[in-house]
Amino acid sequence: MSQVFADLKEAATDQYVNGELPEWLATPVLAVAGNPEKYGEKEYLVEILLEQVKDFDVYAEAGCCKWAYDHEDIARTLRWLEGEGV
């Protein structure tokens, strides 16, 4: 298993337990992290998802500049992983 999947599991768990990642996002992210056989050929998207989860902020769109990732970014990457909207 690639390290990116373990890192994604760790980041998603941390953001869910200690951060503000909602359960409705944490659940599919953890499903990706736990399924490297299905998503191994899309590891580049898993790497993007990892960065988005690590830098997740509920208020990413607030203010004049976007400096973090929000739920829409993560949801979009999850759709790409499922082959939707690519």
Protein backbone atom coordinates (compact mmCIF):
# COMPACT_ATOMS: atom_id res chain seq x y z
CA MET A 1 0.00 0.00 0.00
CA SER A 2 1.27 3.41 -0.91
CA GLN A 3 2.03 5.77 1.95
CA VAL A 4 -0.40 8.35 0.57
CA PHE A 5 -3.36 6.17 1.59
CA ALA A 6 -2.09 5.85 5.17
CA ASP A 7 -1.41 9.60 5.26
CA LEU A 8 -4.93 10.30 3.97
CA LYS A 9 -6.46 8.10 6.67
CA GLU A 10 -4.43 9.88 9.35
CA ALA A 11 -5.27 13.37 8.06
CA ALA A 12 -8.98 12.63 7.63
CA THR A 13 -9.24 11.11 11.09
CA ASP A 14 -7.41 14.06 12.64
CA GLN A 15 -9.53 16.64 10.80
CA TYR A 16 -12.73 14.79 11.75
CA VAL A 17 -11.86 14.29 15.42
CA ASN A 18 -9.88 17.46 16.11
CA GLY A 19 -10.85 19.75 13.25
CA GLU A 20 -14.05 20.65 11.50
CA LEU A 21 -14.28 18.02 8.76
CA PRO A 22 -17.95 16.92 8.80
CA GLU A 23 -18.87 13.26 8.94
CA TRP A 24 -20.54 13.42 5.52
CA LEU A 25 -17.11 14.23 4.04
CA ALA A 26 -14.97 12.18 6.40
CA THR A 27 -16.82 8.96 5.57
CA PRO A 28 -16.12 8.93 1.79
CA VAL A 29 -12.56 10.22 2.32
CA LEU A 30 -11.86 7.38 4.75
CA ALA A 31 -13.40 4.96 2.23
CA VAL A 32 -10.84 6.12 -0.34
CA ALA A 33 -8.03 5.82 2.21
CA GLY A 34 -9.07 2.27 3.01
CA ASN A 35 -9.28 1.11 -0.58
CA PRO A 36 -5.90 1.46 -2.32
CA GLU A 37 -6.76 -1.42 -4.64
CA LYS A 38 -9.62 0.58 -6.16
CA TYR A 39 -7.89 3.98 -6.24
CA GLY A 40 -4.25 2.99 -6.77
CA GLU A 41 -4.31 3.97 -10.44
CA LYS A 42 -5.58 7.42 -9.45
CA GLU A 43 -2.94 8.06 -6.82
CA TYR A 44 -2.37 11.58 -8.13
CA LEU A 45 -5.97 12.42 -7.18
CA VAL A 46 -5.49 10.80 -3.78
CA GLU A 47 -2.47 13.07 -3.27
CA ILE A 48 -4.63 16.09 -4.14
CA LEU A 49 -7.32 14.87 -1.76
CA LEU A 50 -4.74 14.47 1.00
CA GLU A 51 -3.61 18.09 0.64
CA GLN A 52 -7.21 19.28 0.57
CA VAL A 53 -8.06 17.38 3.74
CA LYS A 54 -4.92 18.58 5.53
CA ASP A 55 -5.72 22.19 4.63
CA PHE A 56 -9.50 21.94 5.09
CA ASP A 57 -11.21 24.96 6.58
CA VAL A 58 -14.93 25.60 6.85
CA TYR A 59 -14.30 29.28 6.15
CA ALA A 60 -11.90 28.83 3.22
CA GLU A 61 -14.03 31.04 0.98
CA ALA A 62 -14.34 33.86 3.52
CA GLY A 63 -12.42 37.06 2.92
CA CYS A 64 -10.73 38.32 -0.19
CA CYS A 65 -8.44 35.35 -0.83
CA LYS A 66 -8.89 31.61 -0.81
CA TRP A 67 -6.13 30.24 1.42
CA ALA A 68 -7.47 26.77 2.25
CA TYR A 69 -9.77 24.08 0.84
CA ASP A 70 -13.47 23.82 1.57
CA HIS A 71 -16.10 21.10 1.29
CA GLU A 72 -16.71 21.82 -2.39
CA ASP A 73 -13.04 21.18 -3.25
CA ILE A 74 -13.05 17.85 -1.44
CA ALA A 75 -16.41 16.79 -2.90
CA ARG A 76 -15.16 17.63 -6.41
CA THR A 77 -12.03 15.50 -5.96
CA LEU A 78 -14.14 12.63 -4.60
CA ARG A 79 -16.30 12.84 -7.75
CA TRP A 80 -13.18 12.76 -9.91
CA LEU A 81 -11.99 9.67 -8.07
CA GLU A 82 -15.30 8.00 -8.92
CA GLY A 83 -14.87 8.98 -12.57
CA GLU A 84 -17.54 11.66 -12.54
CA GLY A 85 -16.88 15.02 -14.14
CA VAL A 86 -13.36 14.21 -15.27
